Amino acid sequence: MLSLVTYLRERPGARVGEVARAFGITEQELIADLNVLPMCGTSFRGGDLLDIDTDGEHIWWHNVDDVAQPLRLAADEATALLVAARAVAGLPGLRERDRQALTRAVAKIESSAGESAQGSARVGVTFEAEGHVFADVDRALSERRRLWLRYYSYGRGGMTEREVDPIRMVTEGHTYLEAWCRVSEGRRMFRLDRVADLRVLDAPADPPPLELRDLSEGLVRPAADDPEVVLEVGPGGRWVTEYYTHDEAVELPDGGLRITLRTPDPSGLRRLALRLGRDGRIVAPADLAERARATALEALAAYGPEQAPAGS
């Protein structure tokens, strides 16, 4: 993104498509970076921020002359970046070419940050559990072998055991394993930080021929034939539209929303209904709404009769 700043300074009104091609990224990724840049500047402690925006076709930088100094990492920024880079470089199972690239990057940051980077050498981070998982998943992919997982399923609210044929690892906020699940007989995404235990099996991985999905628009992309679910949320539940891909969100008179979305596993939305509490409810399908209500009553009963509200 520092290179992007230099590139845009020299090319006023640059076209979105041309910039994306120059940096080898999609236009969606470029727009996402442009949404971050206005929060950056010469300093977060009173300096000028970058006034950069786009109309979808061109990119405009309105205060080039005001932000003339090159961007520098503050001491806390350099420390955070260096600690994170060293921690990732120490992960078991990391490909050697990636480890070497990180090591070179750390050396360059240390050189440019100077005294600001000195404190980072006294801080260390380890990822024992996820490092083990990462290494075994990477080995299974390299050797094309099947995996046994003990995995926390958020939708089911508990641990499950399954055998999967690995396809690839992807990262979007968290690291995921995309694999063919032999329990559900379908392609699934498994978050590595939800893997409680796993083993690399002797059986070869044999997923059916699958076309790799385009993940540039996100990991979760419901299919048109997935079941439709309708939620109604109050003003306190409007955040749902920011975290769940949806087809429609209609304003309600009380400031809430009527949200229509699709999901391959509607039962997983019962947990969302519990989380919303008074701020939302499932409207359709009726059987899912009833199951969510029953789940809520079971949760209330666990607190004892003296905790249940009147009329429940």
Protein backbone atom coordinates (compact mmCIF):
# COMPACT_ATOMS: atom_id res chain seq x y z
CA MET A 1 0.00 0.00 0.00
CA LEU A 2 2.99 2.33 0.45
CA SER A 3 3.84 1.64 -3.17
CA LEU A 4 0.24 2.42 -4.08
CA VAL A 5 0.56 5.84 -2.43
CA THR A 6 3.66 6.63 -4.51
CA TYR A 7 1.96 5.35 -7.66
CA LEU A 8 -1.14 7.52 -7.14
CA ARG A 9 0.91 10.64 -6.31
CA GLU A 10 2.48 10.44 -9.76
CA ARG A 11 -0.77 9.63 -11.63
CA PRO A 12 -3.64 12.03 -10.78
CA GLY A 13 -7.01 10.62 -11.82
CA ALA A 14 -5.60 7.15 -12.49
CA ARG A 15 -8.14 4.63 -13.75
CA VAL A 16 -9.19 1.93 -11.28
CA GLY A 17 -8.75 -0.89 -13.81
CA GLU A 18 -5.27 0.22 -14.83
CA VAL A 19 -4.07 0.55 -11.22
CA ALA A 20 -5.46 -2.88 -10.32
CA ARG A 21 -3.65 -4.46 -13.28
CA ALA A 22 -0.41 -2.66 -12.40
CA PHE A 23 -0.46 -4.14 -8.88
CA GLY A 24 -1.73 -7.58 -9.90
CA ILE A 25 -4.90 -7.40 -7.80
CA THR A 26 -8.62 -7.32 -8.53
CA GLU A 27 -10.56 -4.08 -8.72
CA GLN A 28 -12.48 -5.16 -5.59
CA GLU A 29 -9.21 -5.58 -3.67
CA LEU A 30 -8.03 -2.17 -4.86
CA ILE A 31 -11.26 -0.50 -3.74
CA ALA A 32 -10.86 -2.17 -0.33
CA ASP A 33 -7.33 -0.72 -0.06
CA LEU A 34 -8.60 2.72 -1.08
CA ASN A 35 -11.13 2.54 1.75
CA VAL A 36 -8.22 2.06 4.20
CA LEU A 37 -5.89 4.74 2.86
CA PRO A 38 -7.97 7.72 4.09
CA MET A 39 -7.30 6.45 7.63
CA CYS A 40 -3.54 6.71 7.04
CA GLY A 41 -1.20 9.64 6.94
CA THR A 42 2.02 11.14 8.21
CA SER A 43 0.91 10.44 11.79
CA PHE A 44 -2.09 9.13 13.70
CA ARG A 45 -1.24 11.67 16.37
CA GLY A 46 -2.30 14.90 14.68
CA GLY A 47 -0.71 14.71 11.22
CA ASP A 48 -2.53 15.01 7.92
CA LEU A 49 -4.49 12.03 6.64
CA LEU A 50 -4.58 11.00 3.00
CA ASP A 51 -7.58 12.51 1.24
CA ILE A 52 -7.99 9.82 -1.42
CA ASP A 53 -11.30 8.70 -2.96
CA THR A 54 -12.71 7.14 -6.11
CA ASP A 55 -15.83 7.49 -8.21
CA GLY A 56 -15.52 3.85 -9.25
CA GLU A 57 -13.68 4.70 -12.47
CA HIS A 58 -10.93 7.14 -11.47
CA ILE A 59 -8.91 7.67 -8.28
CA TRP A 60 -8.39 11.16 -6.93
CA TRP A 61 -5.90 12.36 -4.31
CA HIS A 62 -6.95 15.82 -3.16
CA ASN A 63 -4.21 16.81 -0.71
CA VAL A 64 -0.99 15.60 -2.32
CA ASP A 65 0.88 18.80 -1.48
CA ASP A 66 -0.27 18.77 2.16
CA VAL A 67 1.08 15.26 2.76
CA ALA A 68 4.51 15.70 1.21
CA GLN A 69 6.57 13.80 3.79
CA PRO A 70 7.11 10.08 3.18
CA LEU A 71 5.12 7.80 5.47
CA ARG A 72 7.04 6.48 8.49
CA LEU A 73 6.25 3.80 11.03
CA ALA A 74 5.83 5.06 14.58
CA ALA A 75 7.54 3.05 17.35
CA ASP A 76 4.40 1.12 18.32
CA GLU A 77 3.55 0.43 14.68
CA ALA A 78 7.05 -0.86 13.90
CA THR A 79 7.03 -3.03 17.04
CA ALA A 80 3.64 -4.57 16.25
CA LEU A 81 4.61 -5.30 12.65
CA LEU A 82 7.98 -6.81 13.52
CA VAL A 83 6.64 -8.96 16.36
CA ALA A 84 3.89 -10.32 14.11
CA ALA A 85 6.28 -10.99 11.22
CA ARG A 86 8.78 -12.84 13.43
CA ALA A 87 5.97 -14.90 14.98
CA VAL A 88 4.61 -15.96 11.60
CA ALA A 89 8.12 -16.72 10.34
CA GLY A 90 8.51 -19.15 13.25
CA LEU A 91 5.38 -21.15 12.47
CA PRO A 92 6.10 -24.85 11.89
CA GLY A 93 5.08 -25.99 8.44
CA LEU A 94 5.59 -22.60 6.83
CA ARG A 95 6.94 -22.98 3.31
CA GLU A 96 10.62 -22.17 3.19
CA ARG A 97 10.26 -19.57 0.43
CA ASP A 98 7.65 -17.75 2.54
CA ARG A 99 9.88 -17.90 5.62
CA GLN A 100 12.79 -16.42 3.65
CA ALA A 101 10.57 -13.64 2.27
CA LEU A 102 9.42 -12.74 5.79
CA THR A 103 12.98 -12.75 7.08
CA ARG A 104 14.05 -10.34 4.33
CA ALA A 105 11.06 -8.12 5.06
CA VAL A 106 11.90 -8.02 8.78
CA ALA A 107 15.47 -6.96 7.99
CA LYS A 108 14.26 -4.13 5.74
CA ILE A 109 11.76 -2.89 8.33
CA GLU A 110 14.40 -2.98 11.07
CA SER A 111 16.77 -0.98 8.86
CA SER A 112 14.22 1.68 7.93
CA ALA A 113 12.60 1.95 11.37
CA GLY A 114 15.92 2.41 13.20
CA GLU A 115 15.49 3.11 16.91
CA SER A 116 11.71 2.67 16.63
CA ALA A 117 12.23 -1.06 16.09
CA GLN A 118 14.58 -1.74 19.01
CA GLY A 119 11.85 -2.69 21.48
CA SER A 120 10.44 -5.40 19.20
CA ALA A 121 13.42 -7.69 19.88
CA ARG A 122 12.26 -8.06 23.50
CA VAL A 123 8.77 -9.33 22.59
CA GLY A 124 7.93 -12.82 21.36
CA VAL A 125 4.73 -14.58 20.32
CA THR A 126 4.10 -18.28 19.77
CA PHE A 127 1.16 -20.14 18.23
CA GLU A 128 1.54 -23.62 19.66
CA ALA A 129 -1.90 -25.13 18.89
CA GLU A 130 -2.52 -23.46 15.55
CA GLY A 131 1.10 -23.98 14.53
CA HIS A 132 0.69 -27.74 14.95
CA VAL A 133 -2.59 -27.68 13.02
CA PHE A 134 -1.10 -25.50 10.28
CA ALA A 135 1.90 -27.82 9.87
CA ASP A 136 -0.21 -31.00 9.63
CA VAL A 137 -2.67 -29.44 7.19
CA ASP A 138 0.21 -28.20 5.05
CA ARG A 139 1.76 -31.69 5.10
CA ALA A 140 -1.54 -33.31 4.14
CA LEU A 141 -1.86 -30.94 1.19
CA SER A 142 1.72 -31.52 0.06
CA GLU A 143 1.46 -35.32 0.37
CA ARG A 144 -2.18 -35.49 -0.87
CA ARG A 145 -3.38 -37.37 2.21
CA ARG A 146 -6.69 -37.48 4.03
CA LEU A 147 -7.21 -35.77 7.40
CA TRP A 148 -9.21 -36.75 10.48
CA LEU A 149 -10.54 -33.69 12.34
CA ARG A 150 -12.14 -33.06 15.68
CA TYR A 151 -13.75 -29.75 14.90
CA TYR A 152 -15.94 -27.24 16.69
CA SER A 153 -18.96 -26.61 14.45
CA TYR A 154 -20.35 -23.15 15.15
CA GLY A 155 -23.67 -24.01 13.48
CA ARG A 156 -24.16 -27.18 15.51
CA GLY A 157 -22.75 -25.68 18.69
CA GLY A 158 -20.50 -28.62 19.52
CA MET A 159 -17.59 -30.87 18.55
CA THR A 160 -17.82 -33.09 15.49
CA GLU A 161 -15.47 -35.73 14.11
CA ARG A 162 -15.00 -36.17 10.40
CA GLU A 163 -12.60 -37.24 7.67
CA VAL A 164 -11.83 -34.75 4.93
CA ASP A 165 -9.87 -34.61 1.69
CA PRO A 166 -7.89 -31.32 1.69
CA ILE A 167 -8.18 -29.02 -1.32
CA ARG A 168 -6.37 -25.80 -0.29
CA MET A 169 -5.77 -23.30 2.52
CA VAL A 170 -7.13 -19.77 2.21
CA THR A 171 -6.92 -16.72 4.47
CA GLU A 172 -9.55 -14.05 5.03
CA GLY A 173 -9.24 -12.71 8.55
CA HIS A 174 -8.69 -16.32 9.71
CA THR A 175 -6.97 -19.24 8.01
CA TYR A 176 -9.35 -21.83 6.57
CA LEU A 177 -8.97 -25.31 5.11
CA GLU A 178 -11.15 -25.90 2.09
CA ALA A 179 -11.82 -29.63 1.89
CA TRP A 180 -14.22 -32.31 0.71
CA CYS A 181 -16.02 -33.54 3.84
CA ARG A 182 -16.80 -37.28 3.75
CA VAL A 183 -19.48 -36.92 6.44
CA SER A 184 -21.60 -34.30 4.69
CA GLU A 185 -20.44 -35.37 1.20
CA GLY A 186 -19.80 -31.78 0.21
CA ARG A 187 -17.18 -29.06 0.01
CA ARG A 188 -16.72 -27.27 3.33
CA MET A 189 -14.56 -24.53 4.91
CA PHE A 190 -12.91 -25.33 8.28
CA ARG A 191 -11.41 -22.55 10.41
CA LEU A 192 -8.05 -23.78 11.68
CA ASP A 193 -8.47 -22.11 15.07
CA ARG A 194 -11.59 -24.27 15.62
CA VAL A 195 -9.72 -27.54 15.02
CA ALA A 196 -9.29 -29.19 18.43
CA ASP A 197 -7.33 -32.18 17.13
CA LEU A 198 -6.34 -33.73 13.81
CA ARG A 199 -4.35 -36.58 12.32
CA VAL A 200 -2.83 -37.07 8.90
CA LEU A 201 -4.17 -40.43 7.70
CA ASP A 202 -2.46 -42.99 5.50
CA ALA A 203 -5.38 -42.93 3.04
CA PRO A 204 -4.79 -40.77 -0.04
CA ALA A 205 -6.90 -37.65 -0.44
CA ASP A 206 -9.38 -38.18 -3.26
CA PRO A 207 -11.77 -35.24 -3.55
CA PRO A 208 -14.10 -35.31 -6.56
CA PRO A 209 -13.15 -33.09 -9.51
CA LEU A 210 -14.10 -29.57 -8.40
CA GLU A 211 -13.65 -26.16 -9.94
CA LEU A 212 -11.93 -23.85 -7.46
CA ARG A 213 -14.28 -21.08 -6.40
CA ASP A 214 -13.42 -17.44 -6.99
CA LEU A 215 -12.97 -16.10 -3.45
CA SER A 216 -12.29 -12.48 -4.40
CA GLU A 217 -15.75 -11.47 -3.15
CA GLY A 218 -15.43 -13.36 0.13
CA LEU A 219 -15.53 -16.91 1.45
CA VAL A 220 -19.27 -17.07 2.06
CA ARG A 221 -21.26 -16.89 -1.17
CA PRO A 222 -24.68 -18.52 -0.80
CA ALA A 223 -26.05 -20.41 -3.79
CA ALA A 224 -29.29 -19.45 -5.48
CA ASP A 225 -30.89 -22.77 -4.46
CA ASP A 226 -29.95 -22.47 -0.76
CA PRO A 227 -32.94 -22.24 1.62
CA GLU A 228 -34.28 -18.73 2.21
CA VAL A 229 -34.53 -17.36 5.75
CA VAL A 230 -36.29 -14.14 6.85
CA LEU A 231 -35.23 -12.28 9.99
CA GLU A 232 -36.70 -9.21 11.61
CA VAL A 233 -34.31 -7.20 13.77
CA GLY A 234 -34.74 -4.06 15.84
CA PRO A 235 -32.39 -1.07 15.76
CA GLY A 236 -29.96 -2.96 18.00
CA GLY A 237 -29.73 -5.82 15.48
CA ARG A 238 -28.92 -3.87 12.32
CA TRP A 239 -25.32 -5.13 12.61
CA VAL A 240 -26.49 -8.45 11.12
CA THR A 241 -26.36 -6.94 7.61
CA GLU A 242 -22.67 -6.14 8.09
CA TYR A 243 -21.70 -9.73 8.92
CA TYR A 244 -24.14 -11.88 6.94
CA THR A 245 -24.45 -11.93 3.16
CA HIS A 246 -28.09 -11.14 2.41
CA ASP A 247 -30.40 -10.67 -0.57
CA GLU A 248 -32.52 -7.87 0.85
CA ALA A 249 -32.82 -5.59 3.88
CA VAL A 250 -36.08 -3.63 4.12
CA GLU A 251 -36.48 -0.78 6.59
CA LEU A 252 -39.13 -1.27 9.31
CA PRO A 253 -41.11 1.56 10.98
CA ASP A 254 -39.33 1.07 14.33
CA GLY A 255 -35.88 1.58 12.81
CA GLY A 256 -35.22 -2.13 12.42
CA LEU A 257 -34.82 -4.27 9.32
CA ARG A 258 -36.52 -7.21 7.64
CA ILE A 259 -33.60 -9.22 6.30
CA THR A 260 -33.81 -11.96 3.67
CA LEU A 261 -30.80 -14.24 3.27
CA ARG A 262 -29.86 -17.68 1.99
CA THR A 263 -27.79 -20.31 3.76
CA PRO A 264 -26.96 -23.98 3.09
CA ASP A 265 -27.47 -24.71 6.82
CA PRO A 266 -30.45 -22.74 8.21
CA SER A 267 -30.18 -24.51 11.58
CA GLY A 268 -26.96 -22.57 12.21
CA LEU A 269 -29.04 -19.37 12.43
CA ARG A 270 -30.61 -20.54 15.71
CA ARG A 271 -27.45 -19.37 17.45
CA LEU A 272 -27.82 -16.00 15.75
CA ALA A 273 -31.39 -15.78 17.06
CA LEU A 274 -30.14 -16.48 20.61
CA ARG A 275 -27.43 -13.88 20.24
CA LEU A 276 -29.94 -11.27 19.08
CA GLY A 277 -32.26 -11.91 22.04
CA ARG A 278 -34.86 -9.15 22.15
CA ASP A 279 -33.25 -7.43 19.16
CA GLY A 280 -34.43 -9.96 16.59
CA ARG A 281 -36.37 -13.06 15.64
CA ILE A 282 -36.64 -15.59 12.81
CA VAL A 283 -39.84 -15.06 10.81
CA ALA A 284 -39.56 -17.76 8.15
CA PRO A 285 -39.44 -20.64 7.60
CA ALA A 286 -41.91 -21.39 10.37
CA ASP A 287 -40.27 -24.65 11.45
CA LEU A 288 -36.91 -22.92 11.92
CA ALA A 289 -38.58 -20.14 13.92
CA GLU A 290 -40.16 -22.75 16.19
CA ARG A 291 -36.86 -24.60 16.65
CA ALA A 292 -35.14 -21.31 17.54
CA ARG A 293 -37.89 -20.61 20.09
CA ALA A 294 -37.48 -24.10 21.60
CA THR A 295 -33.70 -23.62 21.80
CA ALA A 296 -34.20 -20.31 23.62
CA LEU A 297 -36.60 -21.91 26.13
CA GLU A 298 -34.10 -24.71 26.77
CA ALA A 299 -31.41 -22.11 27.43
CA LEU A 300 -33.71 -20.27 29.86
CA ALA A 301 -34.58 -23.52 31.66
CA ALA A 302 -30.88 -24.14 32.30
CA TYR A 303 -30.86 -21.08 34.59
CA GLY A 304 -33.68 -22.47 36.76
CA PRO A 305 -37.32 -21.42 37.07
CA GLU A 306 -36.48 -18.35 39.16
CA GLN A 307 -34.52 -16.87 36.23
CA ALA A 308 -37.17 -17.33 33.52
CA PRO A 309 -39.15 -14.18 32.69
CA ALA A 310 -42.87 -14.16 33.35
CA GLY A 311 -44.92 -15.54 30.49
CA SER A 312 -42.04 -17.54 28.96
